[in-house]
Amino acid sequence: MTMWFYDDARETLGYQNLRREVKRLEKEYLDLRIQLRDTEADLRADPDSEYLKAKVKYLNKRLKDIEKKGPRLAADHPLEIALFAPPHG
């Protein structure tokens, strides 16, 4: 048994599962944002395309669902700033 959590974290199965799930969620969120960016660019090139309009709407809906699961993904400031930055004042 070690004194610090982070020394022991690699051994705990629950922590590994949590990290895996968070990484999966972050990867999915990033992939959706990239698809949305590309689809919106295509939509600007072809504004009459019903398929592209539906795809943008669908991708926005998926992003909102992921943001509900992990609100820190859409936060203005990363959580790490609050945890590791020196206090103000």
PDB file of N, CA and C in Angstrom:
ATOM      1  N   MET A   1       0.849  -1.188   0.000  1.00  0.00           N
ATOM      2  CA  MET A   1       0.000   0.000   0.000  1.00  0.00           C
ATOM      3  C   MET A   1       0.884   1.238   0.000  1.00  0.00           C
ATOM      4  N   THR A   2       0.595   2.147  -0.863  1.00  0.00           N
ATOM      5  CA  THR A   2       1.395   3.363  -0.942  1.00  0.00           C
ATOM      6  C   THR A   2       0.685   4.512  -0.260  1.00  0.00           C
ATOM      7  N   MET A   3       1.413   5.587  -0.106  1.00  0.00           N
ATOM      8  CA  MET A   3       0.881   6.737   0.600  1.00  0.00           C
ATOM      9  C   MET A   3      -0.005   7.604  -0.292  1.00  0.00           C
ATOM     10  N   TRP A   4       0.241   7.602  -1.588  1.00  0.00           N
ATOM     11  CA  TRP A   4      -0.465   8.477  -2.499  1.00  0.00           C
ATOM     12  C   TRP A   4      -1.394   7.678  -3.402  1.00  0.00           C
ATOM     13  N   PHE A   5      -2.540   8.250  -3.710  1.00  0.00           N
ATOM     14  CA  PHE A   5      -3.514   7.583  -4.580  1.00  0.00           C
ATOM     15  C   PHE A   5      -2.943   7.319  -5.966  1.00  0.00           C
ATOM     16  N   TYR A   6      -2.219   8.284  -6.505  1.00  0.00           N
ATOM     17  CA  TYR A   6      -1.741   8.159  -7.877  1.00  0.00           C
ATOM     18  C   TYR A   6      -0.677   7.070  -8.022  1.00  0.00           C
ATOM     19  N   ASP A   7       0.007   6.729  -6.938  1.00  0.00           N
ATOM     20  CA  ASP A   7       0.957   5.629  -6.985  1.00  0.00           C
ATOM     21  C   ASP A   7       0.231   4.294  -7.104  1.00  0.00           C
ATOM     22  N   ASP A   8      -0.949   4.233  -6.531  1.00  0.00           N
ATOM     23  CA  ASP A   8      -1.743   3.006  -6.500  1.00  0.00           C
ATOM     24  C   ASP A   8      -2.763   2.920  -7.633  1.00  0.00           C
ATOM     25  N   ALA A   9      -2.996   4.008  -8.333  1.00  0.00           N
ATOM     26  CA  ALA A   9      -4.110   4.104  -9.274  1.00  0.00           C
ATOM     27  C   ALA A   9      -4.017   3.090 -10.400  1.00  0.00           C
ATOM     28  N   ARG A  10      -2.824   2.769 -10.839  1.00  0.00           N
ATOM     29  CA  ARG A  10      -2.696   1.823 -11.944  1.00  0.00           C
ATOM     30  C   ARG A  10      -3.140   0.426 -11.550  1.00  0.00           C
ATOM     31  N   GLU A  11      -3.165   0.163 -10.290  1.00  0.00           N
ATOM     32  CA  GLU A  11      -3.537  -1.174  -9.817  1.00  0.00           C
ATOM     33  C   GLU A  11      -5.036  -1.332  -9.608  1.00  0.00           C
ATOM     34  N   THR A  12      -5.748  -0.241  -9.474  1.00  0.00           N
ATOM     35  CA  THR A  12      -7.169  -0.343  -9.180  1.00  0.00           C
ATOM     36  C   THR A  12      -7.974  -0.486 -10.465  1.00  0.00           C
ATOM     37  N   LEU A  13      -8.777  -1.492 -10.503  1.00  0.00           N
ATOM     38  CA  LEU A  13      -9.567  -1.793 -11.698  1.00  0.00           C
ATOM     39  C   LEU A  13     -10.636  -0.719 -11.953  1.00  0.00           C
ATOM     40  N   GLY A  14     -11.275  -0.240 -10.898  1.00  0.00           N
ATOM     41  CA  GLY A  14     -12.315   0.777 -11.059  1.00  0.00           C
ATOM     42  C   GLY A  14     -11.789   2.050 -11.687  1.00  0.00           C
ATOM     43  N   TYR A  15     -10.604   2.469 -11.262  1.00  0.00           N
ATOM     44  CA  TYR A  15     -10.003   3.676 -11.815  1.00  0.00           C
ATOM     45  C   TYR A  15      -9.648   3.484 -13.283  1.00  0.00           C
ATOM     46  N   GLN A  16      -9.141   2.316 -13.625  1.00  0.00           N
ATOM     47  CA  GLN A  16      -8.815   2.035 -15.025  1.00  0.00           C
ATOM     48  C   GLN A  16     -10.061   2.042 -15.893  1.00  0.00           C
ATOM     49  N   ASN A  17     -11.139   1.467 -15.394  1.00  0.00           N
ATOM     50  CA  ASN A  17     -12.399   1.462 -16.148  1.00  0.00           C
ATOM     51  C   ASN A  17     -12.936   2.878 -16.338  1.00  0.00           C
ATOM     52  N   LEU A  18     -12.823   3.699 -15.305  1.00  0.00           N
ATOM     53  CA  LEU A  18     -13.267   5.080 -15.405  1.00  0.00           C
ATOM     54  C   LEU A  18     -12.446   5.844 -16.438  1.00  0.00           C
ATOM     55  N   ARG A  19     -11.140   5.700 -16.403  1.00  0.00           N
ATOM     56  CA  ARG A  19     -10.281   6.371 -17.380  1.00  0.00           C
ATOM     57  C   ARG A  19     -10.606   5.923 -18.797  1.00  0.00           C
ATOM     58  N   ARG A  20     -10.858   4.638 -18.979  1.00  0.00           N
ATOM     59  CA  ARG A  20     -11.193   4.111 -20.303  1.00  0.00           C
ATOM     60  C   ARG A  20     -12.497   4.714 -20.807  1.00  0.00           C
ATOM     61  N   GLU A  21     -13.491   4.815 -19.941  1.00  0.00           N
ATOM     62  CA  GLU A  21     -14.789   5.365 -20.331  1.00  0.00           C
ATOM     63  C   GLU A  21     -14.671   6.862 -20.650  1.00  0.00           C
ATOM     64  N   VAL A  22     -13.907   7.599 -19.861  1.00  0.00           N
ATOM     65  CA  VAL A  22     -13.725   9.025 -20.105  1.00  0.00           C
ATOM     66  C   VAL A  22     -12.998   9.242 -21.424  1.00  0.00           C
ATOM     67  N   LYS A  23     -11.979   8.454 -21.688  1.00  0.00           N
ATOM     68  CA  LYS A  23     -11.258   8.578 -22.961  1.00  0.00           C
ATOM     69  C   LYS A  23     -12.168   8.271 -24.146  1.00  0.00           C
ATOM     70  N   ARG A  24     -13.017   7.264 -24.007  1.00  0.00           N
ATOM     71  CA  ARG A  24     -13.945   6.904 -25.080  1.00  0.00           C
ATOM     72  C   ARG A  24     -14.918   8.056 -25.334  1.00  0.00           C
ATOM     73  N   LEU A  25     -15.435   8.646 -24.267  1.00  0.00           N
ATOM     74  CA  LEU A  25     -16.369   9.760 -24.395  1.00  0.00           C
ATOM     75  C   LEU A  25     -15.695  10.972 -25.032  1.00  0.00           C
ATOM     76  N   GLU A  26     -14.471  11.278 -24.611  1.00  0.00           N
ATOM     77  CA  GLU A  26     -13.744  12.401 -25.193  1.00  0.00           C
ATOM     78  C   GLU A  26     -13.452  12.175 -26.670  1.00  0.00           C
ATOM     79  N   LYS A  27     -13.088  10.950 -27.028  1.00  0.00           N
ATOM     80  CA  LYS A  27     -12.802  10.635 -28.435  1.00  0.00           C
ATOM     81  C   LYS A  27     -14.055  10.773 -29.290  1.00  0.00           C
ATOM     82  N   GLU A  28     -15.179  10.258 -28.788  1.00  0.00           N
ATOM     83  CA  GLU A  28     -16.436  10.377 -29.523  1.00  0.00           C
ATOM     84  C   GLU A  28     -16.828  11.843 -29.686  1.00  0.00           C
ATOM     85  N   TYR A  29     -16.661  12.625 -28.638  1.00  0.00           N
ATOM     86  CA  TYR A  29     -16.992  14.051 -28.691  1.00  0.00           C
ATOM     87  C   TYR A  29     -16.131  14.766 -29.732  1.00  0.00           C
ATOM     88  N   LEU A  30     -14.839  14.488 -29.737  1.00  0.00           N
ATOM     89  CA  LEU A  30     -13.943  15.107 -30.705  1.00  0.00           C
ATOM     90  C   LEU A  30     -14.299  14.692 -32.129  1.00  0.00           C
ATOM     91  N   ASP A  31     -14.579  13.411 -32.343  1.00  0.00           N
ATOM     92  CA  ASP A  31     -14.959  12.941 -33.680  1.00  0.00           C
ATOM     93  C   ASP A  31     -16.233  13.625 -34.177  1.00  0.00           C
ATOM     94  N   LEU A  32     -17.207  13.767 -33.291  1.00  0.00           N
ATOM     95  CA  LEU A  32     -18.449  14.430 -33.683  1.00  0.00           C
ATOM     96  C   LEU A  32     -18.222  15.906 -34.003  1.00  0.00           C
ATOM     97  N   ARG A  33     -17.372  16.576 -33.230  1.00  0.00           N
ATOM     98  CA  ARG A  33     -17.086  17.984 -33.506  1.00  0.00           C
ATOM     99  C   ARG A  33     -16.410  18.143 -34.859  1.00  0.00           C
ATOM    100  N   ILE A  34     -15.499  17.234 -35.196  1.00  0.00           N
ATOM    101  CA  ILE A  34     -14.816  17.295 -36.494  1.00  0.00           C
ATOM    102  C   ILE A  34     -15.813  17.040 -37.624  1.00  0.00           C
ATOM    103  N   GLN A  35     -16.677  16.040 -37.455  1.00  0.00           N
ATOM    104  CA  GLN A  35     -17.690  15.767 -38.476  1.00  0.00           C
ATOM    105  C   GLN A  35     -18.622  16.957 -38.653  1.00  0.00           C
ATOM    106  N   LEU A  36     -19.018  17.573 -37.536  1.00  0.00           N
ATOM    107  CA  LEU A  36     -19.912  18.725 -37.605  1.00  0.00           C
ATOM    108  C   LEU A  36     -19.236  19.890 -38.329  1.00  0.00           C
ATOM    109  N   ARG A  37     -17.985  20.144 -38.025  1.00  0.00           N
ATOM    110  CA  ARG A  37     -17.246  21.221 -38.700  1.00  0.00           C
ATOM    111  C   ARG A  37     -17.198  20.991 -40.207  1.00  0.00           C
ATOM    112  N   ASP A  38     -16.867  19.764 -40.603  1.00  0.00           N
ATOM    113  CA  ASP A  38     -16.780  19.444 -42.028  1.00  0.00           C
ATOM    114  C   ASP A  38     -18.146  19.506 -42.708  1.00  0.00           C
ATOM    115  N   THR A  39     -19.168  19.024 -42.028  1.00  0.00           N
ATOM    116  CA  THR A  39     -20.517  19.035 -42.598  1.00  0.00           C
ATOM    117  C   THR A  39     -21.034  20.462 -42.750  1.00  0.00           C
ATOM    118  N   GLU A  40     -20.754  21.308 -41.762  1.00  0.00           N
ATOM    119  CA  GLU A  40     -21.184  22.708 -41.877  1.00  0.00           C
ATOM    120  C   GLU A  40     -20.457  23.409 -43.023  1.00  0.00           C
ATOM    121  N   ALA A  41     -19.201  23.069 -43.253  1.00  0.00           N
ATOM    122  CA  ALA A  41     -18.463  23.644 -44.384  1.00  0.00           C
ATOM    123  C   ALA A  41     -19.085  23.180 -45.701  1.00  0.00           C
ATOM    124  N   ASP A  42     -19.454  21.910 -45.778  1.00  0.00           N
ATOM    125  CA  ASP A  42     -20.117  21.394 -46.976  1.00  0.00           C
ATOM    126  C   ASP A  42     -21.475  22.063 -47.181  1.00  0.00           C
ATOM    127  N   LEU A  43     -22.170  22.310 -46.073  1.00  0.00           N
ATOM    128  CA  LEU A  43     -23.487  22.946 -46.149  1.00  0.00           C
ATOM    129  C   LEU A  43     -23.369  24.389 -46.647  1.00  0.00           C
ATOM    130  N   ARG A  44     -22.305  25.084 -46.264  1.00  0.00           N
ATOM    131  CA  ARG A  44     -22.104  26.443 -46.786  1.00  0.00           C
ATOM    132  C   ARG A  44     -21.861  26.424 -48.294  1.00  0.00           C
ATOM    133  N   ALA A  45     -21.225  25.359 -48.767  1.00  0.00           N
ATOM    134  CA  ALA A  45     -20.980  25.237 -50.201  1.00  0.00           C
ATOM    135  C   ALA A  45     -22.255  24.867 -50.960  1.00  0.00           C
ATOM    136  N   ASP A  46     -23.142  24.090 -50.302  1.00  0.00           N
ATOM    137  CA  ASP A  46     -24.385  23.647 -50.936  1.00  0.00           C
ATOM    138  C   ASP A  46     -25.543  23.875 -49.960  1.00  0.00           C
ATOM    139  N   PRO A  47     -26.030  25.104 -49.833  1.00  0.00           N
ATOM    140  CA  PRO A  47     -27.038  25.415 -48.808  1.00  0.00           C
ATOM    141  C   PRO A  47     -28.422  24.792 -49.050  1.00  0.00           C
ATOM    142  N   ASP A  48     -28.679  24.253 -50.216  1.00  0.00           N
ATOM    143  CA  ASP A  48     -29.996  23.682 -50.500  1.00  0.00           C
ATOM    144  C   ASP A  48     -30.076  22.187 -50.188  1.00  0.00           C
ATOM    145  N   SER A  49     -29.002  21.577 -49.751  1.00  0.00           N
ATOM    146  CA  SER A  49     -28.967  20.135 -49.517  1.00  0.00           C
ATOM    147  C   SER A  49     -29.725  19.767 -48.238  1.00  0.00           C
ATOM    148  N   GLU A  50     -30.806  19.036 -48.400  1.00  0.00           N
ATOM    149  CA  GLU A  50     -31.598  18.583 -47.255  1.00  0.00           C
ATOM    150  C   GLU A  50     -30.825  17.541 -46.446  1.00  0.00           C
ATOM    151  N   TYR A  51     -30.048  16.724 -47.121  1.00  0.00           N
ATOM    152  CA  TYR A  51     -29.247  15.705 -46.428  1.00  0.00           C
ATOM    153  C   TYR A  51     -28.253  16.351 -45.465  1.00  0.00           C
ATOM    154  N   LEU A  52     -27.561  17.387 -45.918  1.00  0.00           N
ATOM    155  CA  LEU A  52     -26.581  18.048 -45.073  1.00  0.00           C
ATOM    156  C   LEU A  52     -27.248  18.781 -43.911  1.00  0.00           C
ATOM    157  N   LYS A  53     -28.412  19.360 -44.148  1.00  0.00           N
ATOM    158  CA  LYS A  53     -29.140  20.016 -43.064  1.00  0.00           C
ATOM    159  C   LYS A  53     -29.546  19.016 -41.991  1.00  0.00           C
ATOM    160  N   ALA A  54     -30.014  17.859 -42.427  1.00  0.00           N
ATOM    161  CA  ALA A  54     -30.407  16.817 -41.479  1.00  0.00           C
ATOM    162  C   ALA A  54     -29.196  16.278 -40.722  1.00  0.00           C
ATOM    163  N   LYS A  55     -28.079  16.156 -41.417  1.00  0.00           N
ATOM    164  CA  LYS A  55     -26.870  15.650 -40.766  1.00  0.00           C
ATOM    165  C   LYS A  55     -26.359  16.631 -39.714  1.00  0.00           C
ATOM    166  N   VAL A  56     -26.400  17.926 -40.005  1.00  0.00           N
ATOM    167  CA  VAL A  56     -25.983  18.936 -39.027  1.00  0.00           C
ATOM    168  C   VAL A  56     -26.888  18.883 -37.802  1.00  0.00           C
ATOM    169  N   LYS A  57     -28.181  18.755 -38.035  1.00  0.00           N
ATOM    170  CA  LYS A  57     -29.131  18.685 -36.926  1.00  0.00           C
ATOM    171  C   LYS A  57     -28.866  17.440 -36.069  1.00  0.00           C
ATOM    172  N   TYR A  58     -28.622  16.316 -36.724  1.00  0.00           N
ATOM    173  CA  TYR A  58     -28.343  15.068 -36.009  1.00  0.00           C
ATOM    174  C   TYR A  58     -27.046  15.169 -35.201  1.00  0.00           C
ATOM    175  N   LEU A  59     -25.995  15.723 -35.795  1.00  0.00           N
ATOM    176  CA  LEU A  59     -24.715  15.843 -35.093  1.00  0.00           C
ATOM    177  C   LEU A  59     -24.823  16.796 -33.907  1.00  0.00           C
ATOM    178  N   ASN A  60     -25.558  17.873 -34.060  1.00  0.00           N
ATOM    179  CA  ASN A  60     -25.777  18.787 -32.934  1.00  0.00           C
ATOM    180  C   ASN A  60     -26.505  18.095 -31.794  1.00  0.00           C
ATOM    181  N   LYS A  61     -27.489  17.271 -32.133  1.00  0.00           N
ATOM    182  CA  LYS A  61     -28.238  16.535 -31.113  1.00  0.00           C
ATOM    183  C   LYS A  61     -27.332  15.554 -30.381  1.00  0.00           C
ATOM    184  N   ARG A  62     -26.492  14.845 -31.118  1.00  0.00           N
ATOM    185  CA  ARG A  62     -25.548  13.905 -30.494  1.00  0.00           C
ATOM    186  C   ARG A  62     -24.563  14.631 -29.586  1.00  0.00           C
ATOM    187  N   LEU A  63     -24.091  15.805 -30.030  1.00  0.00           N
ATOM    188  CA  LEU A  63     -23.168  16.580 -29.195  1.00  0.00           C
ATOM    189  C   LEU A  63     -23.841  17.014 -27.895  1.00  0.00           C
ATOM    190  N   LYS A  64     -25.079  17.443 -27.958  1.00  0.00           N
ATOM    191  CA  LYS A  64     -25.797  17.865 -26.753  1.00  0.00           C
ATOM    192  C   LYS A  64     -25.962  16.699 -25.784  1.00  0.00           C
ATOM    193  N   ASP A  65     -26.227  15.510 -26.320  1.00  0.00           N
ATOM    194  CA  ASP A  65     -26.358  14.336 -25.457  1.00  0.00           C
ATOM    195  C   ASP A  65     -25.045  14.014 -24.754  1.00  0.00           C
ATOM    196  N   ILE A  66     -23.945  14.118 -25.456  1.00  0.00           N
ATOM    197  CA  ILE A  66     -22.641  13.842 -24.849  1.00  0.00           C
ATOM    198  C   ILE A  66     -22.293  14.920 -23.829  1.00  0.00           C
ATOM    199  N   GLU A  67     -22.650  16.165 -24.113  1.00  0.00           N
ATOM    200  CA  GLU A  67     -22.377  17.245 -23.173  1.00  0.00           C
ATOM    201  C   GLU A  67     -23.176  17.070 -21.886  1.00  0.00           C
ATOM    202  N   LYS A  68     -24.338  16.430 -21.958  1.00  0.00           N
ATOM    203  CA  LYS A  68     -25.101  16.129 -20.743  1.00  0.00           C
ATOM    204  C   LYS A  68     -24.385  15.067 -19.918  1.00  0.00           C
ATOM    205  N   LYS A  69     -23.779  14.091 -20.583  1.00  0.00           N
ATOM    206  CA  LYS A  69     -23.043  13.043 -19.867  1.00  0.00           C
ATOM    207  C   LYS A  69     -21.756  13.582 -19.260  1.00  0.00           C
ATOM    208  N   GLY A  70     -21.058  14.427 -19.993  1.00  0.00           N
ATOM    209  CA  GLY A  70     -19.793  14.985 -19.532  1.00  0.00           C
ATOM    210  C   GLY A  70     -19.773  16.477 -19.706  1.00  0.00           C
ATOM    211  N   PRO A  71     -20.372  17.231 -18.788  1.00  0.00           N
ATOM    212  CA  PRO A  71     -20.477  18.676 -18.972  1.00  0.00           C
ATOM    213  C   PRO A  71     -19.125  19.382 -19.051  1.00  0.00           C
ATOM    214  N   ARG A  72     -18.073  18.787 -18.531  1.00  0.00           N
ATOM    215  CA  ARG A  72     -16.767  19.446 -18.591  1.00  0.00           C
ATOM    216  C   ARG A  72     -16.218  19.504 -20.009  1.00  0.00           C
ATOM    217  N   LEU A  73     -16.747  18.668 -20.903  1.00  0.00           N
ATOM    218  CA  LEU A  73     -16.290  18.692 -22.292  1.00  0.00           C
ATOM    219  C   LEU A  73     -16.636  20.010 -22.981  1.00  0.00           C
ATOM    220  N   ALA A  74     -17.734  20.614 -22.585  1.00  0.00           N
ATOM    221  CA  ALA A  74     -18.187  21.851 -23.222  1.00  0.00           C
ATOM    222  C   ALA A  74     -17.944  23.072 -22.343  1.00  0.00           C
ATOM    223  N   ALA A  75     -17.196  22.896 -21.261  1.00  0.00           N
ATOM    224  CA  ALA A  75     -16.946  24.015 -20.348  1.00  0.00           C
ATOM    225  C   ALA A  75     -16.049  25.064 -21.003  1.00  0.00           C
ATOM    226  N   ASP A  76     -16.215  26.308 -20.607  1.00  0.00           N
ATOM    227  CA  ASP A  76     -15.396  27.397 -21.133  1.00  0.00           C
ATOM    228  C   ASP A  76     -13.947  27.289 -20.671  1.00  0.00           C
ATOM    229  N   HIS A  77     -13.761  26.833 -19.436  1.00  0.00           N
ATOM    230  CA  HIS A  77     -12.422  26.684 -18.871  1.00  0.00           C
ATOM    231  C   HIS A  77     -12.209  25.228 -18.480  1.00  0.00           C
ATOM    232  N   PRO A  78     -11.067  24.667 -18.799  1.00  0.00           N
ATOM    233  CA  PRO A  78     -10.805  23.274 -18.432  1.00  0.00           C
ATOM    234  C   PRO A  78     -10.807  23.081 -16.919  1.00  0.00           C
ATOM    235  N   LEU A  79     -11.240  21.921 -16.488  1.00  0.00           N
ATOM    236  CA  LEU A  79     -11.273  21.579 -15.076  1.00  0.00           C
ATOM    237  C   LEU A  79      -9.874  21.634 -14.465  1.00  0.00           C
ATOM    238  N   GLU A  80      -8.863  21.338 -15.245  1.00  0.00           N
ATOM    239  CA  GLU A  80      -7.497  21.301 -14.739  1.00  0.00           C
ATOM    240  C   GLU A  80      -7.055  22.655 -14.209  1.00  0.00           C
ATOM    241  N   ILE A  81      -7.584  23.737 -14.772  1.00  0.00           N
ATOM    242  CA  ILE A  81      -7.220  25.071 -14.291  1.00  0.00           C
ATOM    243  C   ILE A  81      -7.685  25.242 -12.847  1.00  0.00           C
ATOM    244  N   ALA A  82      -8.888  24.813 -12.551  1.00  0.00           N
ATOM    245  CA  ALA A  82      -9.407  24.933 -11.196  1.00  0.00           C
ATOM    246  C   ALA A  82      -8.652  24.034 -10.214  1.00  0.00           C
ATOM    247  N   LEU A  83      -8.214  22.884 -10.697  1.00  0.00           N
ATOM    248  CA  LEU A  83      -7.551  21.939  -9.795  1.00  0.00           C
ATOM    249  C   LEU A  83      -6.089  22.263  -9.544  1.00  0.00           C
ATOM    250  N   PHE A  84      -5.380  22.714 -10.561  1.00  0.00           N
ATOM    251  CA  PHE A  84      -3.934  22.829 -10.447  1.00  0.00           C
ATOM    252  C   PHE A  84      -3.386  24.245 -10.525  1.00  0.00           C
ATOM    253  N   ALA A  85      -4.193  25.221 -10.847  1.00  0.00           N
ATOM    254  CA  ALA A  85      -3.715  26.593 -10.928  1.00  0.00           C
ATOM    255  C   ALA A  85      -3.642  27.174  -9.517  1.00  0.00           C
ATOM    256  N   PRO A  86      -2.761  28.136  -9.301  1.00  0.00           N
ATOM    257  CA  PRO A  86      -2.704  28.754  -7.977  1.00  0.00           C
ATOM    258  C   PRO A  86      -3.973  29.560  -7.723  1.00  0.00           C
ATOM    259  N   PRO A  87      -4.368  29.700  -6.483  1.00  0.00           N
ATOM    260  CA  PRO A  87      -5.586  30.460  -6.196  1.00  0.00           C
ATOM    261  C   PRO A  87      -5.425  31.931  -6.536  1.00  0.00           C
ATOM    262  N   HIS A  88      -6.525  32.566  -6.870  1.00  0.00           N
ATOM    263  CA  HIS A  88      -6.469  33.989  -7.207  1.00  0.00           C
ATOM    264  C   HIS A  88      -6.347  34.807  -5.928  1.00  0.00           C
ATOM    265  N   GLY A  89      -5.853  36.012  -6.071  1.00  0.00           N
ATOM    266  CA  GLY A  89      -5.832  36.952  -4.957  1.00  0.00           C
ATOM    267  C   GLY A  89      -4.585  37.022  -4.207  1.00  0.00           C
TER     268      GLY A  89
END
